[in-house]
């Protein structure tokens, strides 16, 4: 009898222990594991946030530099084509360096391949002395607007020169054709370049042959 009672007591203790484990300890352990996982995730997020805060502090410390860089980008690659402003800069540069522009032409913006930018092609023909041309090209490079020169052709300008020769009476009726001689440093330049813009706004094609339209004056009687 005592053995049976002892056996029931042991079995009851085991059942109570099992129930205590499954109903109390096991759920609590599961919650502890979940809490540990959440803590690990929070620590990972904290590390990421700290890295982001460090990056933002770098941005804050260099805010003026970034703003300056953004301003330079806006000047070199504007949102709108701003062709009129570029032509004004080009005309001012030509007047400053002393070159003589004979023609300027431009095309409408076209999207650059593999890019979100748009390009405008500008063709320019002008004449000038060697150092005038050199100054113009350096000035073109120093413009705030980004200009990529694709082709550049330079040729010496030839001037007509009359040839004086001794002639006889029989050759008086002969006509001497003037010969061409190259001027010392004057060059004829043909240039093709690209401008960049971030806008799809189309601009009218500009063609300037460098000659103004003059009206016909009436003859006074």
Foldseek 3Di string as FASTA:
>chain_A
DVVVVVVVVVVVVVVVVVCCCVVPVVVVVVVVVVVVVVVVVVVVVVVVVVVVVVVVVVCVVCVVVVVVVVVLCCQAANQDPPVVVVVVLLVVLCVVLVKAWQKKKKFWWDDDPPDLKTKMKMKTKIKDFQVSVVSSVVVVVVGSHHKAWDDKDKDFDWDWDDDDDDDDPVCPPPDDDTDTDTDDGMIIMITMIMTIYNYNDTDDIDMDRNDDDDDDDDDDD
